[in-house]
C-alpha atoms as a PDB file:
ATOM      1  CA  MET A   1     -17.241 -11.391   6.539  1.00  0.00           C
ATOM      2  CA  ALA A   2     -17.303  -9.396   3.358  1.00  0.00           C
ATOM      3  CA  ASP A   3     -16.531 -10.264  -0.329  1.00  0.00           C
ATOM      4  CA  THR A   4     -13.849 -12.228  -1.299  1.00  0.00           C
ATOM      5  CA  LEU A   5     -11.411 -10.138  -3.137  1.00  0.00           C
ATOM      6  CA  VAL A   6      -9.256 -11.384  -6.205  1.00  0.00           C
ATOM      7  CA  MET A   7      -5.562 -10.316  -6.524  1.00  0.00           C
ATOM      8  CA  ASN A   8      -3.643 -11.470  -9.486  1.00  0.00           C
ATOM      9  CA  TYR A   9       0.200 -11.957  -8.800  1.00  0.00           C
ATOM     10  CA  LEU A  10       3.246 -11.964 -10.780  1.00  0.00           C
ATOM     11  CA  LEU A  11       6.697 -14.412 -10.620  1.00  0.00           C
ATOM     12  CA  ARG A  12       9.956 -12.222 -10.572  1.00  0.00           C
ATOM     13  CA  GLN A  13      13.231 -14.033 -10.257  1.00  0.00           C
ATOM     14  CA  VAL A  14      16.331 -12.521  -8.095  1.00  0.00           C
ATOM     15  CA  LYS A  15      18.985 -11.927 -10.170  1.00  0.00           C
ATOM     16  CA  ASN A  16      21.282 -10.299  -8.030  1.00  0.00           C
ATOM     17  CA  GLN A  17      24.276 -12.414  -8.131  1.00  0.00           C
ATOM     18  CA  ARG A  18      25.062 -11.700  -4.085  1.00  0.00           C
ATOM     19  CA  SER A  19      21.712 -12.467  -2.845  1.00  0.00           C
ATOM     20  CA  SER A  20      21.694 -15.655  -1.185  1.00  0.00           C
ATOM     21  CA  VAL A  21      18.523 -16.181  -3.081  1.00  0.00           C
ATOM     22  CA  TYR A  22      19.882 -15.667  -6.477  1.00  0.00           C
ATOM     23  CA  GLY A  23      17.843 -17.292  -9.121  1.00  0.00           C
ATOM     24  CA  ARG A  24      14.632 -18.063  -7.004  1.00  0.00           C
ATOM     25  CA  TRP A  25      11.284 -17.080  -7.976  1.00  0.00           C
ATOM     26  CA  PHE A  26       9.037 -14.899  -5.626  1.00  0.00           C
ATOM     27  CA  ALA A  27       5.267 -13.963  -6.170  1.00  0.00           C
ATOM     28  CA  TYR A  28       4.601  -9.814  -6.187  1.00  0.00           C
ATOM     29  CA  VAL A  29       1.418  -8.221  -6.403  1.00  0.00           C
ATOM     30  CA  ASP A  30       0.619  -7.512 -10.059  1.00  0.00           C
ATOM     31  CA  LYS A  31       0.222  -3.641 -10.156  1.00  0.00           C
ATOM     32  CA  THR A  32      -1.523  -2.768 -12.844  1.00  0.00           C
ATOM     33  CA  GLY A  33      -1.118   1.402 -11.995  1.00  0.00           C
ATOM     34  CA  ASN A  34      -2.844   3.797  -9.875  1.00  0.00           C
ATOM     35  CA  ILE A  35      -6.495   5.240  -9.823  1.00  0.00           C
ATOM     36  CA  THR A  36      -6.934   8.925 -10.026  1.00  0.00           C
ATOM     37  CA  THR A  37      -9.357  11.222  -8.294  1.00  0.00           C
ATOM     38  CA  ARG A  38     -11.450  10.829 -11.303  1.00  0.00           C
ATOM     39  CA  GLY A  39     -11.185   7.137 -11.225  1.00  0.00           C
ATOM     40  CA  LEU A  40     -11.823   6.858  -7.776  1.00  0.00           C
ATOM     41  CA  ALA A  41     -15.097   9.359  -7.809  1.00  0.00           C
ATOM     42  CA  GLU A  42     -16.303   6.968 -10.856  1.00  0.00           C
ATOM     43  CA  TYR A  43     -15.567   3.925  -8.757  1.00  0.00           C
ATOM     44  CA  LEU A  44     -17.873   5.166  -5.650  1.00  0.00           C
ATOM     45  CA  ILE A  45     -20.625   6.257  -8.172  1.00  0.00           C
ATOM     46  CA  ARG A  46     -20.640   2.385  -9.351  1.00  0.00           C
ATOM     47  CA  LEU A  47     -21.066   1.447  -5.746  1.00  0.00           C
ATOM     48  CA  GLY A  48     -24.140   3.537  -5.453  1.00  0.00           C
ATOM     49  CA  VAL A  49     -22.748   7.106  -4.299  1.00  0.00           C
ATOM     50  CA  THR A  50     -25.469   9.244  -5.541  1.00  0.00           C
ATOM     51  CA  LEU A  51     -23.303  12.806  -5.814  1.00  0.00           C
ATOM     52  CA  ASP A  52     -21.843  13.684  -9.258  1.00  0.00           C
ATOM     53  CA  ARG A  53     -18.502  13.078  -9.849  1.00  0.00           C
ATOM     54  CA  SER A  54     -17.487  16.623 -10.167  1.00  0.00           C
ATOM     55  CA  ASP A  55     -18.715  16.825  -6.521  1.00  0.00           C
ATOM     56  CA  LEU A  56     -17.020  13.760  -5.439  1.00  0.00           C
ATOM     57  CA  GLU A  57     -13.662  14.643  -6.733  1.00  0.00           C
ATOM     58  CA  LYS A  58     -13.771  18.035  -4.818  1.00  0.00           C
ATOM     59  CA  ILE A  59     -14.679  15.994  -1.507  1.00  0.00           C
ATOM     60  CA  ILE A  60     -11.600  13.568  -2.263  1.00  0.00           C
ATOM     61  CA  VAL A  61      -9.221  16.594  -2.885  1.00  0.00           C
ATOM     62  CA  LYS A  62     -10.109  18.347  -0.081  1.00  0.00           C
ATOM     63  CA  LEU A  63      -9.808  15.009   1.878  1.00  0.00           C
ATOM     64  CA  ALA A  64      -6.213  14.687   0.328  1.00  0.00           C
ATOM     65  CA  GLN A  65      -5.149  18.025   1.589  1.00  0.00           C
ATOM     66  CA  ALA A  66      -6.805  17.687   4.813  1.00  0.00           C
ATOM     67  CA  VAL A  67      -5.681  14.731   6.232  1.00  0.00           C
ATOM     68  CA  PRO A  68      -1.844  15.680   6.172  1.00  0.00           C
ATOM     69  CA  GLU A  69      -2.766  18.947   7.617  1.00  0.00           C
ATOM     70  CA  ILE A  70      -4.702  17.323  10.435  1.00  0.00           C
ATOM     71  CA  VAL A  71      -1.955  14.810  11.006  1.00  0.00           C
ATOM     72  CA  ALA A  72       0.778  17.643  11.276  1.00  0.00           C
ATOM     73  CA  GLN A  73      -1.034  18.863  14.147  1.00  0.00           C
ATOM     74  CA  GLY A  74      -0.650  16.006  16.314  1.00  0.00           C
ATOM     75  CA  TYR A  75      -4.135  14.821  15.751  1.00  0.00           C
ATOM     76  CA  GLY A  76      -4.720  11.104  14.507  1.00  0.00           C
ATOM     77  CA  LEU A  77      -7.844  11.027  12.014  1.00  0.00           C
ATOM     78  CA  LYS A  78     -10.130   8.004  12.570  1.00  0.00           C
ATOM     79  CA  ILE A  79     -12.192   7.067   9.634  1.00  0.00           C
ATOM     80  CA  PRO A  80     -14.289   4.399  10.538  1.00  0.00           C
ATOM     81  CA  GLY A  81     -14.080   1.360   8.206  1.00  0.00           C
ATOM     82  CA  LEU A  82     -10.969   2.366   7.017  1.00  0.00           C
ATOM     83  CA  GLY A  83      -8.501   3.255   9.766  1.00  0.00           C
ATOM     84  CA  ILE A  84      -6.386   5.895  11.146  1.00  0.00           C
ATOM     85  CA  PHE A  85      -4.039   8.108   9.693  1.00  0.00           C
ATOM     86  CA  TYR A  86      -1.124   9.303  12.068  1.00  0.00           C
ATOM     87  CA  ALA A  87       2.747  10.802  12.512  1.00  0.00           C
ATOM     88  CA  THR A  88       5.289   9.558  14.437  1.00  0.00           C
ATOM     89  CA  ILE A  89       9.040  10.628  14.534  1.00  0.00           C
ATOM     90  CA  LYS A  90      11.707   8.980  13.797  1.00  0.00           C
ATOM     91  CA  ASN A  91      14.338   9.284  16.212  1.00  0.00           C
ATOM     92  CA  VAL A  92      18.112   8.599  15.571  1.00  0.00           C
ATOM     93  CA  LYS A  93      19.677   5.898  17.771  1.00  0.00           C
ATOM     94  CA  GLY A  94      20.724   6.584  21.034  1.00  0.00           C
ATOM     95  CA  GLY A  95      18.751   9.548  21.983  1.00  0.00           C
ATOM     96  CA  ALA A  96      20.233  12.832  23.774  1.00  0.00           C
ATOM     97  CA  GLU A  97      21.912  12.634  27.143  1.00  0.00           C
ATOM     98  CA  ASN A  98      20.000  15.174  28.420  1.00  0.00           C
ATOM     99  CA  PRO A  99      17.243  18.009  27.197  1.00  0.00           C
ATOM    100  CA  GLY A 100      20.051  20.365  26.749  1.00  0.00           C
ATOM    101  CA  LYS A 101      22.127  18.290  24.623  1.00  0.00           C
ATOM    102  CA  PHE A 102      18.776  17.670  22.504  1.00  0.00           C
ATOM    103  CA  SER A 103      18.610  18.972  18.922  1.00  0.00           C
ATOM    104  CA  ILE A 104      16.459  18.433  15.774  1.00  0.00           C
ATOM    105  CA  SER A 105      19.237  18.392  13.385  1.00  0.00           C
ATOM    106  CA  SER A 106      21.291  15.696  15.680  1.00  0.00           C
ATOM    107  CA  ASN A 107      18.596  13.853  17.259  1.00  0.00           C
ATOM    108  CA  VAL A 108      15.555  13.424  14.685  1.00  0.00           C
ATOM    109  CA  ALA A 109      15.847  11.311  11.861  1.00  0.00           C
ATOM    110  CA  GLY A 110      12.694  12.503  10.215  1.00  0.00           C
ATOM    111  CA  VAL A 111       8.960  12.417  10.534  1.00  0.00           C
ATOM    112  CA  LYS A 112       6.834   9.287   9.289  1.00  0.00           C
ATOM    113  CA  PHE A 113       3.279   9.595   8.088  1.00  0.00           C
ATOM    114  CA  LYS A 114       1.537   6.216   8.822  1.00  0.00           C
ATOM    115  CA  PHE A 115      -1.903   4.415   8.712  1.00  0.00           C
ATOM    116  CA  ARG A 116      -3.350   2.004  10.655  1.00  0.00           C
ATOM    117  CA  PRO A 117      -6.248  -0.381   9.217  1.00  0.00           C
ATOM    118  CA  ASP A 118      -9.405  -0.646  10.907  1.00  0.00           C
ATOM    119  CA  SER A 119      -9.491  -3.505  12.872  1.00  0.00           C
ATOM    120  CA  SER A 120     -12.983  -3.587  14.503  1.00  0.00           C
ATOM    121  CA  ASP A 121     -14.961  -6.773  14.046  1.00  0.00           C
ATOM    122  CA  LEU A 122     -17.391  -5.580  11.253  1.00  0.00           C
ATOM    123  CA  ASP A 123     -14.374  -3.690   9.005  1.00  0.00           C
ATOM    124  CA  ASP A 124     -11.538  -5.466  10.041  1.00  0.00           C
ATOM    125  CA  LEU A 125      -8.947  -4.380   7.391  1.00  0.00           C
ATOM    126  CA  THR A 126      -5.648  -5.523   9.154  1.00  0.00           C
ATOM    127  CA  SER A 127      -2.970  -7.379   7.171  1.00  0.00           C
ATOM    128  CA  LYS A 128      -4.108 -10.835   8.628  1.00  0.00           C
ATOM    129  CA  SER A 129      -7.725 -10.154   8.098  1.00  0.00           C
ATOM    130  CA  PHE A 130      -7.384  -8.573   4.435  1.00  0.00           C
ATOM    131  CA  GLY A 131      -5.029 -11.889   3.750  1.00  0.00           C
ATOM    132  CA  LYS A 132      -7.830 -14.071   4.714  1.00  0.00           C
ATOM    133  CA  ARG A 133     -10.423 -12.295   2.254  1.00  0.00           C
ATOM    134  CA  CYS A 134      -8.313 -12.412  -0.531  1.00  0.00           C
ATOM    135  CA  THR A 135      -7.930 -15.420  -3.313  1.00  0.00           C
ATOM    136  CA  PHE A 136      -5.401 -15.327  -5.693  1.00  0.00           C
ATOM    137  CA  GLY A 137      -6.354 -14.954  -9.185  1.00  0.00           C
ATOM    138  CA  ASN A 138      -4.240 -15.137 -12.699  1.00  0.00           C
ATOM    139  CA  GLY A 139      -0.840 -15.599 -12.148  1.00  0.00           C
ATOM    140  CA  VAL A 140       2.288 -14.425 -14.469  1.00  0.00           C
ATOM    141  CA  TYR A 141       5.747 -14.687 -15.027  1.00  0.00           C
ATOM    142  CA  VAL A 142       8.113 -11.836 -16.065  1.00  0.00           C
ATOM    143  CA  THR A 143      11.729 -11.878 -17.144  1.00  0.00           C
ATOM    144  CA  ALA A 144      12.139  -8.674 -16.951  1.00  0.00           C
ATOM    145  CA  LYS A 145      11.370  -5.523 -14.946  1.00  0.00           C
ATOM    146  CA  GLY A 146       8.696  -2.594 -15.938  1.00  0.00           C
ATOM    147  CA  ASN A 147       5.211  -2.143 -17.173  1.00  0.00           C
ATOM    148  CA  LYS A 148       6.170  -3.449 -20.707  1.00  0.00           C
ATOM    149  CA  ALA A 149       8.026  -6.530 -19.913  1.00  0.00           C
ATOM    150  CA  PRO A 150       6.189  -9.435 -21.485  1.00  0.00           C
ATOM    151  CA  ARG A 151       4.198 -11.744 -19.057  1.00  0.00           C
ATOM    152  CA  TYR A 152       3.784 -15.289 -19.575  1.00  0.00           C
ATOM    153  CA  PRO A 153       1.045 -17.409 -17.992  1.00  0.00           C
ATOM    154  CA  ILE A 154       2.848 -19.965 -15.415  1.00  0.00           C
ATOM    155  CA  ALA A 155       0.870 -22.439 -16.563  1.00  0.00           C
ATOM    156  CA  GLY A 156       2.877 -22.407 -19.716  1.00  0.00           C
ATOM    157  CA  TYR A 157       6.117 -22.525 -17.679  1.00  0.00           C
ATOM    158  CA  GLU A 158       8.583 -25.520 -19.015  1.00  0.00           C
ATOM    159  CA  GLU A 159      12.002 -25.626 -17.724  1.00  0.00           C
ATOM    160  CA  GLU A 160      14.744 -25.093 -20.202  1.00  0.00           C
ATOM    161  CA  GLU A 161      17.090 -28.238 -20.147  1.00  0.00           C
ATOM    162  CA  PRO A 162      20.523 -27.983 -18.789  1.00  0.00           C
END
């Protein structure tokens, strides 16, 4: 099995008073932001890719352009070790009585762009396998939403007296 991945998390309290879980706390991935094309290129270089950053950026940009174009043509795009990108059509419930009564505007709710992770033995990225590779790192709790919300260590949490 591949290296263990460490995932930090945060706890957030449900504040919707109409919710059946109002006041309860739930764990969420501690999302720290997004990585740009340049950041991905630099990360790949740190992993040992021998192309320079500008060449890698060009490849990544072209890949990002090519994937949706290929998928829109009805192809699934399989990248071994990563997974397959594909499209599905979201149909309106009930469908059409017959082909003559079918119309895109009445019977199609939209198109979805999907990804299914590689599930081969060597490169299993399915949710179950990915979850087995992850261990939880630092945990914090927040009392407000947003990137600038203060973060407090869970170990320091003391319940307020009623």
